[in-house]
Amino acid sequence: MSGNWISLFFALTGRLLTGGRFRKNADMECNIGIVAYTTLFVLVSLGYLLSR
């Protein structure tokens, strides 16, 4: 059940970022959400490491 919530969260993020352009392609929205959060995580990690 938790996996469904996570994929829904990623899909909603992808939809917000793309403005609903991939509305018929839910997998694409989900992938965009995953990429967005991965990028955010990497940037935060780099910022943390560089600021030490």
C-alpha atoms as a PDB file:
ATOM      1  CA  MET A   1       0.000   0.000   0.000  1.00  0.00           C
ATOM      2  CA  SER A   2       2.829   2.396   0.807  1.00  0.00           C
ATOM      3  CA  GLY A   3       4.296   1.904  -2.681  1.00  0.00           C
ATOM      4  CA  ASN A   4       1.092   3.229  -4.222  1.00  0.00           C
ATOM      5  CA  TRP A   5       1.264   6.387  -2.087  1.00  0.00           C
ATOM      6  CA  ILE A   6       4.879   6.979  -3.072  1.00  0.00           C
ATOM      7  CA  SER A   7       4.208   6.587  -6.801  1.00  0.00           C
ATOM      8  CA  LEU A   8       1.126   8.804  -6.487  1.00  0.00           C
ATOM      9  CA  PHE A   9       3.252  11.444  -4.750  1.00  0.00           C
ATOM     10  CA  PHE A  10       5.853  11.317  -7.549  1.00  0.00           C
ATOM     11  CA  ALA A  11       3.141  11.458 -10.216  1.00  0.00           C
ATOM     12  CA  LEU A  12       1.516  14.500  -8.589  1.00  0.00           C
ATOM     13  CA  THR A  13       4.894  16.234  -8.433  1.00  0.00           C
ATOM     14  CA  GLY A  14       5.519  15.430 -12.093  1.00  0.00           C
ATOM     15  CA  ARG A  15       2.101  16.797 -13.017  1.00  0.00           C
ATOM     16  CA  LEU A  16       2.770  20.024 -11.125  1.00  0.00           C
ATOM     17  CA  LEU A  17       6.175  20.440 -12.776  1.00  0.00           C
ATOM     18  CA  THR A  18       4.918  19.760 -16.303  1.00  0.00           C
ATOM     19  CA  GLY A  19       1.604  21.587 -15.951  1.00  0.00           C
ATOM     20  CA  GLY A  20      -0.326  18.447 -16.961  1.00  0.00           C
ATOM     21  CA  ARG A  21       1.331  18.084 -20.372  1.00  0.00           C
ATOM     22  CA  PHE A  22       1.782  14.328 -19.872  1.00  0.00           C
ATOM     23  CA  ARG A  23      -1.686  13.731 -18.441  1.00  0.00           C
ATOM     24  CA  LYS A  24      -2.219  10.663 -20.668  1.00  0.00           C
ATOM     25  CA  ASN A  25       1.206   9.266 -19.746  1.00  0.00           C
ATOM     26  CA  ALA A  26       1.224   8.586 -15.991  1.00  0.00           C
ATOM     27  CA  ASP A  27       4.571   6.749 -16.118  1.00  0.00           C
ATOM     28  CA  MET A  28       6.219   9.823 -17.628  1.00  0.00           C
ATOM     29  CA  GLU A  29       4.813  12.022 -14.855  1.00  0.00           C
ATOM     30  CA  CYS A  30       6.041   9.571 -12.228  1.00  0.00           C
ATOM     31  CA  ASN A  31       9.529   9.490 -13.777  1.00  0.00           C
ATOM     32  CA  ILE A  32       9.704  13.300 -13.858  1.00  0.00           C
ATOM     33  CA  GLY A  33       8.761  13.382 -10.172  1.00  0.00           C
ATOM     34  CA  ILE A  34      11.453  10.831  -9.312  1.00  0.00           C
ATOM     35  CA  VAL A  35      14.073  12.765 -11.302  1.00  0.00           C
ATOM     36  CA  ALA A  36      13.030  16.013  -9.609  1.00  0.00           C
ATOM     37  CA  TYR A  37      13.399  14.563  -6.102  1.00  0.00           C
ATOM     38  CA  THR A  38      16.657  12.801  -6.976  1.00  0.00           C
ATOM     39  CA  THR A  39      18.090  16.059  -8.336  1.00  0.00           C
ATOM     40  CA  LEU A  40      16.910  17.930  -5.246  1.00  0.00           C
ATOM     41  CA  PHE A  41      18.504  15.304  -2.984  1.00  0.00           C
ATOM     42  CA  VAL A  42      21.808  15.458  -4.882  1.00  0.00           C
ATOM     43  CA  LEU A  43      21.877  19.266  -4.769  1.00  0.00           C
ATOM     44  CA  VAL A  44      21.143  19.319  -1.034  1.00  0.00           C
ATOM     45  CA  SER A  45      23.820  16.681  -0.417  1.00  0.00           C
ATOM     46  CA  LEU A  46      26.391  18.593  -2.467  1.00  0.00           C
ATOM     47  CA  GLY A  47      25.521  21.840  -0.720  1.00  0.00           C
ATOM     48  CA  TYR A  48      25.937  20.142   2.652  1.00  0.00           C
ATOM     49  CA  LEU A  49      29.295  18.608   1.709  1.00  0.00           C
ATOM     50  CA  LEU A  50      30.629  21.851   0.220  1.00  0.00           C
ATOM     51  CA  SER A  51      29.584  23.921   3.220  1.00  0.00           C
ATOM     52  CA  ARG A  52      31.551  21.764   5.680  1.00  0.00           C
END
